[in-house]
Amino acid sequence: VSFTLHKGDVLGITGLLGSGRGEIGEALFGLAPADSGKIILNGKEISIRKVSDAIANEIGYVPEDRLTQGLFMDRSIQDNTIAASIRKYMKRGKLDEKGMEDVTNYWIKEIGIKAPSPKPAVRTLSGGNAQKVVIAKWLNTNPKLFILDGPTVGVDVGAKAEIHAILHDLARKGISIIIISDDLPELVQNC
């Protein structure tokens, strides 16, 4: 597969179950590296053989199954929000608890996670709010490319609209987005 994605674009990838649509995102994020081909980001060829390569190249990824791949369900909203960027909060060998709480509160407000504080376990949240926590986790890494596989699977209509609004805002801010979905209306609305 070949495609070009520009800064601030939202590209949709669709196909039937088993068509390979999800594998494209997994290859771009290093979960299942491609056997051949090239990935060129910002004019230079990059190699993504593992997840840390993708993160180093400012790529974020929201998996289709947030419950088993995207979240630590028994951990707090805060723990999940900083999970992919925890190194930013290490200060002289200790975690900056205030910094972690402040950034989690920022994301709770910024993307509208309905929670009383950063402390509740993700398990206590609705599907839409749990999905927003996964989104916050990757936005906290400051991605330039954001890949979302089934971004609104299992969320209610209201949360779906809110997630779409978040994606539109990210695109306006210049983040390039790939949405992988079998929901054609979702792709038509967002791409």
Protein backbone atom coordinates (compact mmCIF):
# COMPACT_ATOMS: atom_id res chain seq x y z
CA VAL A 1 0.00 0.00 0.00
CA SER A 2 1.24 3.47 -0.80
CA PHE A 3 -0.15 6.79 0.38
CA THR A 4 0.91 10.32 1.18
CA LEU A 5 -0.29 12.11 4.29
CA HIS A 6 0.33 15.83 4.74
CA LYS A 7 0.49 17.87 7.92
CA GLY A 8 -3.03 18.36 9.27
CA ASP A 9 -4.61 15.80 6.94
CA VAL A 10 -7.01 13.11 8.12
CA LEU A 11 -6.63 9.96 6.05
CA GLY A 12 -9.12 7.11 6.28
CA ILE A 13 -8.28 3.45 5.74
CA THR A 14 -11.10 0.94 5.51
CA GLY A 15 -11.73 -2.62 4.47
CA LEU A 16 -13.49 -5.77 5.53
CA LEU A 17 -12.37 -7.77 8.54
CA GLY A 18 -9.17 -9.58 7.57
CA SER A 19 -8.37 -7.18 4.73
CA GLY A 20 -5.19 -5.92 6.38
CA ARG A 21 -6.49 -2.49 7.34
CA GLY A 22 -5.41 -2.86 10.99
CA GLU A 23 -2.03 -4.30 10.03
CA ILE A 24 -1.13 -1.01 8.33
CA GLY A 25 -1.44 0.83 11.64
CA GLU A 26 0.41 -1.92 13.47
CA ALA A 27 3.26 -1.75 10.96
CA LEU A 28 3.49 2.05 11.22
CA PHE A 29 3.62 1.78 15.01
CA GLY A 30 6.09 -1.10 15.21
CA LEU A 31 3.69 -3.66 16.69
CA ALA A 32 4.02 -5.86 13.60
CA PRO A 33 6.82 -4.36 11.51
CA ALA A 34 6.50 -4.42 7.73
CA ASP A 35 8.55 -7.03 5.88
CA SER A 36 9.45 -4.62 3.09
CA GLY A 37 8.85 -1.12 1.84
CA LYS A 38 9.72 2.36 3.02
CA ILE A 39 8.29 4.77 5.51
CA ILE A 40 9.21 8.36 4.80
CA LEU A 41 8.38 10.91 7.47
CA ASN A 42 9.08 14.61 7.01
CA GLY A 43 11.17 13.87 3.93
CA LYS A 44 13.46 11.28 5.49
CA GLU A 45 13.25 7.52 5.48
CA ILE A 46 12.71 6.06 8.93
CA SER A 47 12.85 2.53 10.26
CA ILE A 48 10.13 1.34 12.62
CA ARG A 49 10.97 -2.11 13.96
CA LYS A 50 9.47 -1.67 17.44
CA VAL A 51 7.10 0.62 19.33
CA SER A 52 9.92 2.73 20.78
CA ASP A 53 11.01 3.57 17.19
CA ALA A 54 7.51 4.91 16.46
CA ILE A 55 7.41 6.94 19.68
CA ALA A 56 10.88 8.37 18.94
CA ASN A 57 9.53 9.46 15.54
CA GLU A 58 6.56 11.22 17.21
CA ILE A 59 3.92 8.67 16.23
CA GLY A 60 0.99 7.87 18.54
CA TYR A 61 -1.35 4.89 18.20
CA VAL A 62 -4.79 4.15 19.61
CA PRO A 63 -5.47 0.41 19.19
CA GLU A 64 -8.83 -1.02 18.24
CA ASP A 65 -9.16 -2.94 21.52
CA ARG A 66 -8.59 -0.35 24.24
CA LEU A 67 -9.47 -2.82 27.00
CA THR A 68 -6.62 -5.26 26.33
CA GLN A 69 -4.15 -3.16 24.34
CA GLY A 70 -4.71 0.49 25.21
CA LEU A 71 -5.33 0.75 28.93
CA PHE A 72 -4.37 -0.57 32.33
CA MET A 73 -7.97 -0.94 33.52
CA ASP A 74 -7.22 -1.26 37.25
CA ARG A 75 -4.83 1.71 37.26
CA SER A 76 -5.82 5.36 37.65
CA ILE A 77 -6.60 7.82 34.89
CA GLN A 78 -3.31 9.51 35.80
CA ASP A 79 -1.25 6.33 35.53
CA ASN A 80 -2.74 5.64 32.11
CA THR A 81 -2.31 9.21 30.87
CA ILE A 82 1.41 9.28 31.62
CA ALA A 83 2.15 5.63 30.77
CA ALA A 84 3.65 6.35 27.32
CA SER A 85 5.54 9.46 28.47
CA ILE A 86 6.63 8.56 31.99
CA ARG A 87 10.28 9.48 31.34
CA LYS A 88 9.22 13.14 31.09
CA TYR A 89 8.27 13.00 34.77
CA MET A 90 11.52 11.59 36.15
CA LYS A 91 13.37 14.22 38.19
CA ARG A 92 16.63 13.11 39.82
CA GLY A 93 15.48 9.50 40.03
CA LYS A 94 12.01 10.31 41.38
CA LEU A 95 8.65 10.74 39.73
CA ASP A 96 7.27 14.30 39.64
CA GLU A 97 3.88 13.54 41.18
CA LYS A 98 2.67 17.14 40.88
CA GLY A 99 3.67 17.33 37.23
CA MET A 100 1.86 14.06 36.49
CA GLU A 101 -1.27 15.22 38.28
CA ASP A 102 -1.19 18.63 36.57
CA VAL A 103 -0.85 17.14 33.08
CA THR A 104 -3.63 14.64 33.76
CA ASN A 105 -5.92 17.42 34.96
CA TYR A 106 -5.02 19.35 31.79
CA TRP A 107 -6.05 16.43 29.55
CA ILE A 108 -9.21 15.77 31.57
CA LYS A 109 -10.26 19.35 30.87
CA GLU A 110 -8.82 19.65 27.35
CA ILE A 111 -10.56 16.63 25.85
CA GLY A 112 -13.55 16.45 28.17
CA ILE A 113 -12.96 13.31 30.19
CA LYS A 114 -15.82 13.09 32.66
CA ALA A 115 -14.08 12.20 35.92
CA PRO A 116 -13.96 13.80 39.38
CA SER A 117 -10.15 13.70 39.52
CA PRO A 118 -7.13 11.89 38.01
CA LYS A 119 -7.34 9.20 40.72
CA PRO A 120 -10.23 6.84 39.78
CA ALA A 121 -9.39 3.58 38.06
CA VAL A 122 -10.10 3.60 34.33
CA ARG A 123 -12.39 0.61 34.92
CA THR A 124 -14.90 3.01 36.54
CA LEU A 125 -15.27 5.13 33.38
CA SER A 126 -17.73 4.79 30.51
CA GLY A 127 -16.44 3.44 27.20
CA GLY A 128 -16.23 6.92 25.69
CA ASN A 129 -14.31 8.35 28.62
CA ALA A 130 -11.96 5.35 28.68
CA GLN A 131 -11.28 5.92 24.98
CA LYS A 132 -10.50 9.58 25.71
CA VAL A 133 -7.94 8.42 28.29
CA VAL A 134 -6.20 6.35 25.58
CA ILE A 135 -6.24 9.41 23.33
CA ALA A 136 -4.84 11.57 26.16
CA LYS A 137 -2.08 9.03 26.77
CA TRP A 138 -0.81 9.42 23.22
CA LEU A 139 -1.45 13.16 22.94
CA ASN A 140 0.77 13.57 26.00
CA THR A 141 3.66 12.27 23.88
CA ASN A 142 3.17 15.21 21.45
CA PRO A 143 2.72 13.12 18.30
CA LYS A 144 3.05 14.59 14.84
CA LEU A 145 1.32 11.52 13.38
CA PHE A 146 -1.64 10.01 15.23
CA ILE A 147 -3.02 6.62 14.15
CA LEU A 148 -6.40 5.50 15.49
CA ASP A 149 -7.76 2.04 14.78
CA GLY A 150 -11.52 1.97 15.39
CA PRO A 151 -11.50 5.21 17.40
CA THR A 152 -15.19 5.05 18.31
CA VAL A 153 -15.85 1.32 18.63
CA GLY A 154 -18.00 0.67 21.69
CA VAL A 155 -18.73 4.29 22.57
CA ASP A 156 -22.10 6.02 22.64
CA VAL A 157 -23.26 8.60 20.09
CA GLY A 158 -22.37 11.57 22.30
CA ALA A 159 -18.84 10.34 22.98
CA LYS A 160 -18.43 9.53 19.28
CA ALA A 161 -19.19 13.16 18.36
CA GLU A 162 -16.80 14.39 21.06
CA ILE A 163 -13.99 12.14 19.78
CA HIS A 164 -14.59 13.35 16.23
CA ALA A 165 -14.38 16.96 17.48
CA ILE A 166 -11.06 16.15 19.18
CA LEU A 167 -9.70 14.74 15.91
CA HIS A 168 -10.84 17.79 13.93
CA ASP A 169 -9.13 20.06 16.47
CA LEU A 170 -5.89 18.06 16.26
CA ALA A 171 -5.91 18.30 12.47
CA ARG A 172 -6.42 22.09 12.70
CA LYS A 173 -3.35 22.17 14.95
CA GLY A 174 -1.31 20.43 12.24
CA ILE A 175 -1.25 16.88 13.55
CA SER A 176 -1.56 14.32 10.76
CA ILE A 177 -4.16 11.64 11.49
CA ILE A 178 -4.86 8.19 10.12
CA ILE A 179 -8.25 6.71 11.01
CA ILE A 180 -8.64 2.97 10.41
CA SER A 181 -12.30 1.98 10.52
CA ASP A 182 -15.00 -0.15 8.96
CA ASP A 183 -17.50 2.62 9.75
CA LEU A 184 -17.80 4.38 6.39
CA PRO A 185 -19.95 7.27 7.68
CA GLU A 186 -17.26 7.93 10.30
CA LEU A 187 -14.60 8.12 7.60
CA VAL A 188 -16.71 10.33 5.33
CA GLN A 189 -17.40 12.69 8.23
CA ASN A 190 -13.79 12.98 9.36
CA CYS A 191 -11.48 12.55 6.40
